[in-house]
């Protein structure tokens, strides 16, 4: 990723967007030397979002397995009774 001041990006925004789409390399916008925003290809963002969601799901599954290992599983009939479904 390369950094680019917002002041420069204003005048070259169409060029920046075209470059991000073609090279799939994000551009970080800076303001007074601080990183404030990133221009990223929409498909790349979708892939990153999906990967993050998948990772969160895997982490939740690992936590559930750890809880079952520590406390054991609840029998199906007991679970339904606790939820008022039996």
Protein backbone atom coordinates (compact mmCIF):
# COMPACT_ATOMS: atom_id res chain seq x y z
CA UNK A 1 0.00 0.00 0.00
CA UNK A 2 1.22 3.44 -0.75
CA UNK A 3 0.37 6.58 1.14
CA UNK A 4 -0.87 9.68 -0.64
CA UNK A 5 -1.86 13.05 0.81
CA UNK A 6 -5.55 13.91 0.47
CA UNK A 7 -4.57 17.16 -1.24
CA UNK A 8 -2.87 15.19 -4.04
CA UNK A 9 -5.64 12.60 -4.19
CA UNK A 10 -8.28 15.28 -4.80
CA UNK A 11 -6.79 16.24 -8.14
CA UNK A 12 -5.98 12.67 -9.20
CA UNK A 13 -8.93 10.73 -7.79
CA UNK A 14 -10.05 9.16 -11.08
CA UNK A 15 -6.47 8.05 -11.76
CA UNK A 16 -6.18 6.61 -8.24
CA UNK A 17 -9.44 4.66 -8.56
CA UNK A 18 -8.41 3.28 -11.95
CA UNK A 19 -5.03 2.23 -10.53
CA UNK A 20 -6.57 0.58 -7.47
CA UNK A 21 -8.97 -1.39 -9.67
CA UNK A 22 -6.26 -2.44 -12.15
CA UNK A 23 -3.50 -3.35 -9.68
CA UNK A 24 -5.64 -4.42 -6.68
CA UNK A 25 -3.31 -2.38 -4.48
CA UNK A 26 -4.94 -0.11 -1.93
CA UNK A 27 -3.96 3.54 -1.56
CA UNK A 28 -3.94 5.07 1.92
CA UNK A 29 -4.94 8.73 2.11
CA UNK A 30 -3.16 10.90 4.62
CA UNK A 31 -4.03 14.23 6.17
CA UNK A 32 -1.21 16.16 7.84
CA UNK A 33 0.82 12.95 7.85
CA UNK A 34 -1.86 10.83 9.54
CA UNK A 35 -3.56 7.95 7.76
CA UNK A 36 -7.26 8.80 7.49
CA UNK A 37 -8.83 6.64 4.77
CA UNK A 38 -8.09 3.93 2.24
CA UNK A 39 -9.18 3.53 -1.36
CA UNK A 40 -9.60 -0.18 -2.10
CA UNK A 41 -11.12 -2.14 -4.97
CA UNK A 42 -14.71 -3.12 -4.16
CA UNK A 43 -14.11 -6.80 -5.01
CA UNK A 44 -11.05 -6.85 -2.76
CA UNK A 45 -13.09 -5.34 0.07
CA UNK A 46 -15.77 -8.01 -0.43
CA UNK A 47 -13.14 -10.77 -0.26
CA UNK A 48 -11.57 -9.25 2.87
CA UNK A 49 -14.97 -8.90 4.53
CA UNK A 50 -15.87 -12.50 3.70
CA UNK A 51 -12.52 -13.73 5.03
CA UNK A 52 -13.06 -11.80 8.28
CA UNK A 53 -16.55 -13.25 8.66
CA UNK A 54 -15.24 -16.75 8.00
CA UNK A 55 -12.49 -16.26 10.59
CA UNK A 56 -15.03 -15.02 13.14
CA UNK A 57 -17.14 -18.12 12.47
CA UNK A 58 -14.14 -20.39 12.96
CA UNK A 59 -13.26 -18.63 16.20
CA UNK A 60 -16.85 -19.03 17.43
CA UNK A 61 -16.79 -22.73 16.53
CA UNK A 62 -13.49 -23.17 18.39
CA UNK A 63 -14.97 -21.42 21.45
CA UNK A 64 -18.05 -23.65 21.30
CA UNK A 65 -15.86 -26.78 21.09
CA UNK A 66 -13.81 -25.58 24.06
CA UNK A 67 -16.98 -24.96 26.08
CA UNK A 68 -18.29 -28.44 25.24
CA UNK A 69 -14.93 -29.95 26.21
CA UNK A 70 -15.01 -28.10 29.54
CA UNK A 71 -18.69 -28.43 30.46
CA UNK A 72 -20.00 -31.20 28.22
CA UNK A 73 -22.91 -31.03 25.82
CA UNK A 74 -26.53 -30.43 26.77
CA UNK A 75 -28.81 -33.30 25.69
CA UNK A 76 -31.27 -32.30 22.93
CA UNK A 77 -34.36 -33.08 25.04
CA UNK A 78 -33.04 -30.99 27.91
CA UNK A 79 -32.28 -28.08 25.60
CA UNK A 80 -35.79 -28.17 24.12
CA UNK A 81 -37.29 -28.30 27.60
CA UNK A 82 -35.17 -25.33 28.74
CA UNK A 83 -36.35 -23.36 25.69
CA UNK A 84 -39.98 -24.37 26.30
CA UNK A 85 -40.12 -26.32 23.04
CA UNK A 86 -40.71 -29.77 24.50
